[in-house]
C-alpha atoms as a PDB file:
ATOM      1  CA  UNK A   1      95.180 -73.635   2.141  1.00  0.00           C
ATOM      2  CA  UNK A   2      94.585 -70.461   4.186  1.00  0.00           C
ATOM      3  CA  UNK A   3      98.237 -69.425   4.131  1.00  0.00           C
ATOM      4  CA  UNK A   4      98.496 -70.116   0.394  1.00  0.00           C
ATOM      5  CA  UNK A   5      95.456 -67.945  -0.245  1.00  0.00           C
ATOM      6  CA  UNK A   6      96.872 -65.161   1.929  1.00  0.00           C
ATOM      7  CA  UNK A   7     100.177 -65.294   0.030  1.00  0.00           C
ATOM      8  CA  UNK A   8      98.317 -65.075  -3.277  1.00  0.00           C
ATOM      9  CA  UNK A   9      96.357 -62.046  -2.087  1.00  0.00           C
ATOM     10  CA  UNK A  10      99.501 -60.290  -0.860  1.00  0.00           C
ATOM     11  CA  UNK A  11     101.240 -61.032  -4.154  1.00  0.00           C
ATOM     12  CA  UNK A  12      98.336 -59.568  -6.127  1.00  0.00           C
ATOM     13  CA  UNK A  13      98.189 -56.467  -3.961  1.00  0.00           C
ATOM     14  CA  UNK A  14     101.921 -55.929  -4.378  1.00  0.00           C
ATOM     15  CA  UNK A  15     101.543 -56.256  -8.137  1.00  0.00           C
ATOM     16  CA  UNK A  16      98.726 -53.726  -8.230  1.00  0.00           C
ATOM     17  CA  UNK A  17     100.717 -51.278  -6.116  1.00  0.00           C
ATOM     18  CA  UNK A  18     103.686 -51.752  -8.473  1.00  0.00           C
ATOM     19  CA  UNK A  19     101.440 -51.159 -11.489  1.00  0.00           C
ATOM     20  CA  UNK A  20      99.916 -48.011 -10.019  1.00  0.00           C
ATOM     21  CA  UNK A  21     103.296 -46.602  -9.003  1.00  0.00           C
ATOM     22  CA  UNK A  22     104.784 -47.288 -12.420  1.00  0.00           C
ATOM     23  CA  UNK A  23     101.847 -45.796 -14.298  1.00  0.00           C
ATOM     24  CA  UNK A  24     101.858 -42.758 -12.030  1.00  0.00           C
ATOM     25  CA  UNK A  25     105.564 -42.184 -12.657  1.00  0.00           C
ATOM     26  CA  UNK A  26     104.992 -42.247 -16.410  1.00  0.00           C
ATOM     27  CA  UNK A  27     102.461 -39.437 -16.228  1.00  0.00           C
ATOM     28  CA  UNK A  28     100.669 -40.629 -19.336  1.00  0.00           C
ATOM     29  CA  UNK A  29      97.924 -42.952 -20.343  1.00  0.00           C
ATOM     30  CA  UNK A  30      99.116 -46.498 -20.797  1.00  0.00           C
ATOM     31  CA  UNK A  31      97.698 -49.129 -23.083  1.00  0.00           C
ATOM     32  CA  UNK A  32      96.203 -52.380 -21.925  1.00  0.00           C
ATOM     33  CA  UNK A  33      99.343 -54.091 -23.233  1.00  0.00           C
ATOM     34  CA  UNK A  34     101.530 -51.829 -21.052  1.00  0.00           C
ATOM     35  CA  UNK A  35      99.492 -52.749 -17.996  1.00  0.00           C
ATOM     36  CA  UNK A  36      99.659 -56.452 -18.808  1.00  0.00           C
ATOM     37  CA  UNK A  37     103.403 -56.175 -19.273  1.00  0.00           C
ATOM     38  CA  UNK A  38     103.877 -54.434 -15.929  1.00  0.00           C
ATOM     39  CA  UNK A  39     101.743 -56.960 -14.070  1.00  0.00           C
ATOM     40  CA  UNK A  40     103.712 -59.775 -15.677  1.00  0.00           C
ATOM     41  CA  UNK A  41     106.961 -58.085 -14.605  1.00  0.00           C
ATOM     42  CA  UNK A  42     105.526 -57.874 -11.089  1.00  0.00           C
ATOM     43  CA  UNK A  43     105.326 -61.656 -11.055  1.00  0.00           C
ATOM     44  CA  UNK A  44     101.733 -62.453 -11.862  1.00  0.00           C
ATOM     45  CA  UNK A  45     100.902 -65.229 -14.286  1.00  0.00           C
ATOM     46  CA  UNK A  46      98.470 -64.768 -17.154  1.00  0.00           C
ATOM     47  CA  UNK A  47      95.515 -66.229 -15.233  1.00  0.00           C
ATOM     48  CA  UNK A  48      96.067 -63.848 -12.340  1.00  0.00           C
ATOM     49  CA  UNK A  49      96.442 -60.897 -14.696  1.00  0.00           C
ATOM     50  CA  UNK A  50      93.253 -61.879 -16.507  1.00  0.00           C
ATOM     51  CA  UNK A  51      91.348 -61.949 -13.251  1.00  0.00           C
ATOM     52  CA  UNK A  52      92.668 -58.545 -12.175  1.00  0.00           C
ATOM     53  CA  UNK A  53      92.057 -56.929 -15.560  1.00  0.00           C
ATOM     54  CA  UNK A  54      88.653 -58.492 -16.121  1.00  0.00           C
ATOM     55  CA  UNK A  55      89.833 -60.128 -19.347  1.00  0.00           C
ATOM     56  CA  UNK A  56      89.821 -63.645 -20.746  1.00  0.00           C
ATOM     57  CA  UNK A  57      92.989 -65.614 -19.839  1.00  0.00           C
ATOM     58  CA  UNK A  58      93.476 -66.456 -23.516  1.00  0.00           C
ATOM     59  CA  UNK A  59      93.532 -62.740 -24.385  1.00  0.00           C
ATOM     60  CA  UNK A  60      96.222 -62.152 -21.758  1.00  0.00           C
ATOM     61  CA  UNK A  61      98.267 -65.143 -22.949  1.00  0.00           C
ATOM     62  CA  UNK A  62      98.191 -63.811 -26.539  1.00  0.00           C
ATOM     63  CA  UNK A  63      99.218 -60.317 -25.406  1.00  0.00           C
ATOM     64  CA  UNK A  64     102.098 -61.679 -23.333  1.00  0.00           C
ATOM     65  CA  UNK A  65     103.237 -63.809 -26.266  1.00  0.00           C
ATOM     66  CA  UNK A  66     103.109 -60.757 -28.554  1.00  0.00           C
ATOM     67  CA  UNK A  67     105.134 -58.763 -26.026  1.00  0.00           C
ATOM     68  CA  UNK A  68     107.768 -61.488 -25.775  1.00  0.00           C
ATOM     69  CA  UNK A  69     108.060 -61.707 -29.558  1.00  0.00           C
ATOM     70  CA  UNK A  70     108.492 -57.912 -29.815  1.00  0.00           C
ATOM     71  CA  UNK A  71     111.216 -57.929 -27.178  1.00  0.00           C
ATOM     72  CA  UNK A  72     113.136 -60.791 -28.777  1.00  0.00           C
ATOM     73  CA  UNK A  73     112.780 -59.505 -32.325  1.00  0.00           C
END
C-alpha cells in the first residue's frame, strides 16, 4: 500500500503543478470550472479533484459532466 500511496501523491502533485503552470500562462483569473477541467485533463478523477479543491465530489462530478456536454454539443 505504501507504493500505491506514494504514486497517488506524486500524481496529485504533478496535477497541481500542471494546473498552476497553465493558469500562470493564461495570465487571467480562471473560474472554478476551468480549474476542474484542467485537473481532469491532468489525469485526476472527480474524487481526487474534490479533495484538492475542497469541494463535494458530487459537485465536481456535475461540473465535469457539464463540461463534457459543452464540448460534445
